[in-house]
Amino acid sequence: DVQLQASGGGLVQAGGSLRLSCVTSGFTFDDYAIGWYRQAPGKDREGVSCISASASMPYYYDSVKGRFTMSRDNAKNTVYLQMNNLEPEDTAVYYCAADIKCYGVDMMDYWGKGTQVTVSS
């Protein structure tokens, strides 16, 4: 009964911004790490960012460092991904996932349905 639902995707031009949300239920949110992952057409799934249950500074994968910011709101059982200076290479389906700690690609235990982000040039 663990559920995670990503939302907030859409179409944006290069250089623009989007804010994604991941609303969760069915587990003790405060005890879990939440990560963002994405998959572009013809490519393997890759990591975006992850934040621990302790809400320490999030980890960012190289491709998004300096452009994306992740945060969590324990009162709402929700995490966010603020994406700035978007590039066409950011086009992908974005997924949120949960586990006790932040792990690498495809190693998180619980996954939600993704939201499409499309960046035009």
N, C-alpha and C. Protein backbone atom coordinates (compact mmCIF):
# COMPACT_ATOMS: atom_id res chain seq x y z
N ASP A 1 0.80 -1.21 0.00
CA ASP A 1 0.00 0.00 0.00
C ASP A 1 0.84 1.26 0.00
N VAL A 2 2.14 1.11 -0.20
CA VAL A 2 3.01 2.28 -0.35
C VAL A 2 2.72 2.93 -1.70
N GLN A 3 2.53 4.22 -1.69
CA GLN A 3 2.24 4.95 -2.91
C GLN A 3 3.09 6.20 -3.00
N LEU A 4 3.58 6.46 -4.20
CA LEU A 4 4.30 7.69 -4.51
C LEU A 4 3.81 8.18 -5.86
N GLN A 5 3.45 9.44 -5.94
CA GLN A 5 2.91 9.99 -7.17
C GLN A 5 3.64 11.27 -7.54
N ALA A 6 4.36 11.23 -8.63
CA ALA A 6 5.04 12.42 -9.14
C ALA A 6 4.09 13.22 -10.01
N SER A 7 4.22 14.54 -9.95
CA SER A 7 3.39 15.42 -10.75
C SER A 7 4.14 16.72 -11.00
N GLY A 8 3.61 17.54 -11.88
CA GLY A 8 4.19 18.85 -12.16
C GLY A 8 4.97 18.95 -13.45
N GLY A 9 5.07 17.86 -14.18
CA GLY A 9 5.78 17.90 -15.44
C GLY A 9 5.01 18.67 -16.50
N GLY A 10 5.67 18.91 -17.61
CA GLY A 10 5.05 19.64 -18.69
C GLY A 10 6.05 20.00 -19.76
N LEU A 11 5.65 20.90 -20.63
CA LEU A 11 6.48 21.36 -21.73
C LEU A 11 7.04 22.74 -21.39
N VAL A 12 8.34 22.90 -21.53
CA VAL A 12 8.98 24.17 -21.24
C VAL A 12 10.12 24.39 -22.23
N GLN A 13 10.42 25.64 -22.53
CA GLN A 13 11.53 25.94 -23.42
C GLN A 13 12.84 25.93 -22.66
N ALA A 14 13.91 25.69 -23.39
CA ALA A 14 15.24 25.69 -22.79
C ALA A 14 15.48 26.98 -22.01
N GLY A 15 16.04 26.83 -20.83
CA GLY A 15 16.27 27.97 -19.96
C GLY A 15 15.16 28.22 -18.96
N GLY A 16 14.04 27.55 -19.14
CA GLY A 16 12.91 27.72 -18.25
C GLY A 16 13.00 26.86 -17.01
N SER A 17 11.92 26.89 -16.21
CA SER A 17 11.89 26.19 -14.93
C SER A 17 10.60 25.40 -14.77
N LEU A 18 10.68 24.35 -13.98
CA LEU A 18 9.53 23.57 -13.56
C LEU A 18 9.76 23.12 -12.13
N ARG A 19 8.67 22.88 -11.41
CA ARG A 19 8.75 22.32 -10.07
C ARG A 19 7.92 21.05 -10.00
N LEU A 20 8.58 19.94 -9.72
CA LEU A 20 7.91 18.66 -9.57
C LEU A 20 7.59 18.39 -8.11
N SER A 21 6.50 17.66 -7.89
CA SER A 21 6.11 17.24 -6.55
C SER A 21 5.98 15.73 -6.51
N CYS A 22 6.25 15.14 -5.37
CA CYS A 22 6.03 13.71 -5.14
C CYS A 22 5.26 13.56 -3.85
N VAL A 23 3.98 13.23 -3.96
CA VAL A 23 3.12 13.03 -2.80
C VAL A 23 3.12 11.56 -2.44
N THR A 24 3.35 11.25 -1.16
CA THR A 24 3.49 9.86 -0.73
C THR A 24 2.46 9.50 0.32
N SER A 25 2.24 8.18 0.49
CA SER A 25 1.36 7.66 1.52
C SER A 25 1.69 6.19 1.75
N GLY A 26 1.20 5.63 2.87
CA GLY A 26 1.34 4.22 3.14
C GLY A 26 2.60 3.81 3.88
N PHE A 27 3.39 4.76 4.32
CA PHE A 27 4.59 4.46 5.10
C PHE A 27 4.94 5.65 5.97
N THR A 28 5.86 5.43 6.90
CA THR A 28 6.28 6.50 7.79
C THR A 28 7.27 7.40 7.06
N PHE A 29 6.75 8.47 6.50
CA PHE A 29 7.52 9.33 5.62
C PHE A 29 8.82 9.81 6.26
N ASP A 30 8.76 10.20 7.53
CA ASP A 30 9.91 10.78 8.21
C ASP A 30 11.09 9.81 8.33
N ASP A 31 10.84 8.51 8.17
CA ASP A 31 11.89 7.50 8.33
C ASP A 31 12.53 7.09 7.01
N TYR A 32 12.10 7.66 5.91
CA TYR A 32 12.55 7.20 4.60
C TYR A 32 13.25 8.29 3.80
N ALA A 33 14.21 7.84 3.02
CA ALA A 33 14.83 8.70 2.02
C ALA A 33 13.98 8.68 0.75
N ILE A 34 13.96 9.80 0.04
CA ILE A 34 13.22 9.90 -1.21
C ILE A 34 14.17 10.38 -2.30
N GLY A 35 14.12 9.70 -3.43
CA GLY A 35 14.98 10.07 -4.55
C GLY A 35 14.19 10.37 -5.81
N TRP A 36 14.81 11.15 -6.68
CA TRP A 36 14.28 11.42 -8.01
C TRP A 36 15.15 10.72 -9.05
N TYR A 37 14.51 10.07 -10.01
CA TYR A 37 15.19 9.38 -11.10
C TYR A 37 14.47 9.71 -12.39
N ARG A 38 15.15 9.53 -13.50
CA ARG A 38 14.53 9.85 -14.78
C ARG A 38 14.99 8.89 -15.86
N GLN A 39 14.18 8.80 -16.90
CA GLN A 39 14.52 7.97 -18.04
C GLN A 39 14.13 8.69 -19.32
N ALA A 40 15.12 8.94 -20.16
CA ALA A 40 14.91 9.59 -21.44
C ALA A 40 14.74 8.53 -22.53
N PRO A 41 14.12 8.90 -23.65
CA PRO A 41 13.94 7.95 -24.74
C PRO A 41 15.26 7.35 -25.20
N GLY A 42 15.31 6.03 -25.29
CA GLY A 42 16.49 5.35 -25.76
C GLY A 42 17.65 5.29 -24.79
N LYS A 43 17.44 5.72 -23.55
CA LYS A 43 18.51 5.72 -22.57
C LYS A 43 18.11 4.94 -21.32
N ASP A 44 19.11 4.54 -20.55
CA ASP A 44 18.88 3.88 -19.28
C ASP A 44 18.36 4.86 -18.25
N ARG A 45 17.70 4.34 -17.25
CA ARG A 45 17.27 5.18 -16.14
C ARG A 45 18.50 5.71 -15.41
N GLU A 46 18.43 6.97 -14.98
CA GLU A 46 19.55 7.57 -14.28
C GLU A 46 19.06 8.33 -13.05
N GLY A 47 19.97 8.53 -12.12
CA GLY A 47 19.63 9.26 -10.92
C GLY A 47 19.62 10.76 -11.16
N VAL A 48 18.78 11.46 -10.41
CA VAL A 48 18.70 12.91 -10.44
C VAL A 48 19.17 13.49 -9.11
N SER A 49 18.49 13.11 -8.03
CA SER A 49 18.84 13.59 -6.70
C SER A 49 18.19 12.71 -5.66
N CYS A 50 18.63 12.85 -4.41
CA CYS A 50 18.07 12.08 -3.32
C CYS A 50 18.27 12.83 -2.02
N ILE A 51 17.28 12.74 -1.13
CA ILE A 51 17.37 13.38 0.18
C ILE A 51 17.07 12.35 1.25
N SER A 52 17.85 12.36 2.32
CA SER A 52 17.71 11.37 3.38
C SER A 52 16.57 11.72 4.32
N ALA A 53 16.24 10.76 5.20
CA ALA A 53 15.19 10.99 6.18
C ALA A 53 15.53 12.12 7.15
N SER A 54 16.81 12.34 7.38
CA SER A 54 17.25 13.38 8.30
C SER A 54 17.19 14.77 7.68
N ALA A 55 16.85 14.86 6.40
CA ALA A 55 16.74 16.13 5.68
C ALA A 55 18.06 16.89 5.61
N SER A 56 19.15 16.16 5.55
CA SER A 56 20.45 16.78 5.31
C SER A 56 20.52 17.25 3.86
N MET A 57 21.63 17.88 3.50
CA MET A 57 21.77 18.38 2.14
C MET A 57 21.57 17.26 1.13
N PRO A 58 20.71 17.46 0.14
CA PRO A 58 20.47 16.41 -0.84
C PRO A 58 21.70 16.10 -1.68
N TYR A 59 21.73 14.90 -2.20
CA TYR A 59 22.75 14.50 -3.15
C TYR A 59 22.25 14.76 -4.56
N TYR A 60 23.10 15.34 -5.41
CA TYR A 60 22.74 15.60 -6.80
C TYR A 60 23.70 14.89 -7.73
N TYR A 61 23.15 14.24 -8.73
CA TYR A 61 23.98 13.62 -9.75
C TYR A 61 24.58 14.70 -10.64
N ASP A 62 25.68 14.35 -11.29
CA ASP A 62 26.48 15.34 -12.01
C ASP A 62 25.68 16.14 -13.04
N SER A 63 24.77 15.49 -13.73
CA SER A 63 24.08 16.13 -14.84
C SER A 63 23.19 17.29 -14.41
N VAL A 64 22.81 17.35 -13.12
CA VAL A 64 21.88 18.39 -12.67
C VAL A 64 22.47 19.29 -11.60
N LYS A 65 23.69 19.08 -11.20
CA LYS A 65 24.31 19.90 -10.16
C LYS A 65 24.31 21.36 -10.55
N GLY A 66 23.90 22.21 -9.62
CA GLY A 66 23.87 23.63 -9.85
C GLY A 66 22.61 24.13 -10.51
N ARG A 67 21.76 23.25 -10.98
CA ARG A 67 20.53 23.64 -11.67
C ARG A 67 19.26 23.19 -10.94
N PHE A 68 19.31 22.04 -10.30
CA PHE A 68 18.14 21.47 -9.62
C PHE A 68 18.30 21.58 -8.12
N THR A 69 17.17 21.73 -7.42
CA THR A 69 17.17 21.79 -5.97
C THR A 69 16.06 20.90 -5.44
N MET A 70 16.41 20.00 -4.52
CA MET A 70 15.44 19.09 -3.93
C MET A 70 15.17 19.48 -2.48
N SER A 71 13.93 19.29 -2.04
CA SER A 71 13.56 19.56 -0.67
C SER A 71 12.45 18.61 -0.23
N ARG A 72 12.25 18.51 1.09
CA ARG A 72 11.17 17.68 1.58
C ARG A 72 10.36 18.43 2.63
N ASP A 73 9.06 18.16 2.65
CA ASP A 73 8.14 18.76 3.60
C ASP A 73 7.48 17.61 4.36
N ASN A 74 7.99 17.32 5.55
CA ASN A 74 7.49 16.18 6.31
C ASN A 74 6.03 16.35 6.72
N ALA A 75 5.59 17.57 6.92
CA ALA A 75 4.21 17.82 7.31
C ALA A 75 3.23 17.42 6.21
N LYS A 76 3.69 17.43 4.96
CA LYS A 76 2.83 17.10 3.83
C LYS A 76 3.17 15.76 3.20
N ASN A 77 4.13 15.03 3.75
CA ASN A 77 4.59 13.76 3.17
C ASN A 77 4.95 13.94 1.70
N THR A 78 5.62 15.02 1.40
CA THR A 78 5.87 15.41 0.02
C THR A 78 7.31 15.86 -0.17
N VAL A 79 7.88 15.54 -1.31
CA VAL A 79 9.17 16.07 -1.71
C VAL A 79 9.01 16.84 -3.00
N TYR A 80 9.94 17.76 -3.25
CA TYR A 80 9.88 18.63 -4.41
C TYR A 80 11.20 18.59 -5.16
N LEU A 81 11.12 18.90 -6.43
CA LEU A 81 12.31 19.07 -7.25
C LEU A 81 12.14 20.34 -8.06
N GLN A 82 12.87 21.38 -7.67
CA GLN A 82 12.87 22.63 -8.42
C GLN A 82 13.92 22.53 -9.51
N MET A 83 13.50 22.66 -10.75
CA MET A 83 14.39 22.50 -11.89
C MET A 83 14.51 23.85 -12.60
N ASN A 84 15.70 24.40 -12.61
CA ASN A 84 15.98 25.68 -13.25
C ASN A 84 16.94 25.49 -14.41
N ASN A 85 16.95 26.47 -15.31
CA ASN A 85 17.84 26.44 -16.47
C ASN A 85 17.77 25.10 -17.19
N LEU A 86 16.55 24.69 -17.48
CA LEU A 86 16.35 23.39 -18.10
C LEU A 86 16.96 23.33 -19.50
N GLU A 87 17.43 22.15 -19.83
CA GLU A 87 18.06 21.88 -21.11
C GLU A 87 17.30 20.79 -21.84
N PRO A 88 17.40 20.74 -23.18
CA PRO A 88 16.74 19.65 -23.90
C PRO A 88 17.14 18.26 -23.40
N GLU A 89 18.36 18.12 -22.92
CA GLU A 89 18.84 16.85 -22.38
C GLU A 89 18.11 16.42 -21.11
N ASP A 90 17.38 17.34 -20.49
CA ASP A 90 16.60 17.01 -19.31
C ASP A 90 15.26 16.35 -19.65
N THR A 91 14.92 16.30 -20.92
CA THR A 91 13.67 15.67 -21.33
C THR A 91 13.66 14.20 -20.93
N ALA A 92 12.65 13.81 -20.16
CA ALA A 92 12.57 12.45 -19.64
C ALA A 92 11.29 12.29 -18.85
N VAL A 93 10.98 11.05 -18.50
CA VAL A 93 9.96 10.77 -17.50
C VAL A 93 10.65 10.76 -16.15
N TYR A 94 10.15 11.54 -15.22
CA TYR A 94 10.74 11.66 -13.90
C TYR A 94 9.94 10.86 -12.88
N TYR A 95 10.64 10.06 -12.08
CA TYR A 95 10.04 9.20 -11.09
C TYR A 95 10.57 9.54 -9.70
N CYS A 96 9.73 9.37 -8.69
CA CYS A 96 10.22 9.42 -7.32
C CYS A 96 10.19 8.03 -6.72
N ALA A 97 11.10 7.78 -5.78
CA ALA A 97 11.25 6.46 -5.17
C ALA A 97 11.64 6.62 -3.71
N ALA A 98 11.34 5.58 -2.91
CA ALA A 98 11.59 5.64 -1.47
C ALA A 98 12.33 4.41 -0.98
N ASP A 99 13.15 4.60 0.04
CA ASP A 99 13.83 3.52 0.73
C ASP A 99 14.35 4.08 2.06
N ILE A 100 14.91 3.20 2.90
CA ILE A 100 15.43 3.65 4.18
C ILE A 100 16.58 4.63 4.00
N LYS A 101 17.39 4.41 2.97
CA LYS A 101 18.50 5.29 2.64
C LYS A 101 18.53 5.56 1.15
N CYS A 102 19.32 6.53 0.74
CA CYS A 102 19.51 6.81 -0.67
C CYS A 102 20.42 5.76 -1.30
N TYR A 103 19.95 5.15 -2.36
CA TYR A 103 20.72 4.16 -3.10
C TYR A 103 20.83 4.58 -4.56
N GLY A 104 21.58 3.81 -5.31
CA GLY A 104 21.80 4.12 -6.70
C GLY A 104 20.61 3.78 -7.58
N VAL A 105 20.83 3.94 -8.88
CA VAL A 105 19.78 3.71 -9.86
C VAL A 105 19.21 2.30 -9.73
N ASP A 106 17.89 2.22 -9.70
CA ASP A 106 17.15 0.96 -9.67
C ASP A 106 17.33 0.16 -8.38
N MET A 107 17.88 0.77 -7.35
CA MET A 107 18.09 0.07 -6.09
C MET A 107 17.10 0.48 -5.00
N MET A 108 16.28 1.46 -5.26
CA MET A 108 15.27 1.88 -4.28
C MET A 108 14.13 0.86 -4.25
N ASP A 109 13.51 0.69 -3.08
CA ASP A 109 12.49 -0.34 -2.91
C ASP A 109 11.13 0.02 -3.48
N TYR A 110 10.71 1.26 -3.34
CA TYR A 110 9.36 1.66 -3.71
C TYR A 110 9.38 2.74 -4.76
N TRP A 111 8.57 2.55 -5.80
CA TRP A 111 8.53 3.46 -6.95
C TRP A 111 7.12 3.91 -7.24
N GLY A 112 7.01 5.12 -7.73
CA GLY A 112 5.73 5.65 -8.16
C GLY A 112 5.67 5.81 -9.67
N LYS A 113 4.52 6.23 -10.15
CA LYS A 113 4.37 6.55 -11.56
C LYS A 113 5.05 7.88 -11.85
N GLY A 114 5.59 7.99 -13.05
CA GLY A 114 6.36 9.17 -13.40
C GLY A 114 5.54 10.29 -14.00
N THR A 115 6.21 11.43 -14.18
CA THR A 115 5.63 12.59 -14.83
C THR A 115 6.57 13.04 -15.95
N GLN A 116 5.99 13.38 -17.09
CA GLN A 116 6.78 13.71 -18.28
C GLN A 116 7.25 15.16 -18.24
N VAL A 117 8.54 15.34 -18.46
CA VAL A 117 9.14 16.67 -18.62
C VAL A 117 9.71 16.75 -20.03
N THR A 118 9.30 17.74 -20.79
CA THR A 118 9.79 17.94 -22.14
C THR A 118 10.35 19.34 -22.27
N VAL A 119 11.60 19.44 -22.68
CA VAL A 119 12.27 20.73 -22.82
C VAL A 119 12.59 20.93 -24.30
N SER A 120 12.05 21.97 -24.88
CA SER A 120 12.28 22.26 -26.28
C SER A 120 13.42 23.25 -26.45
N SER A 121 14.07 23.19 -27.60
CA SER A 121 15.18 24.09 -27.88
C SER A 121 14.74 25.32 -28.66
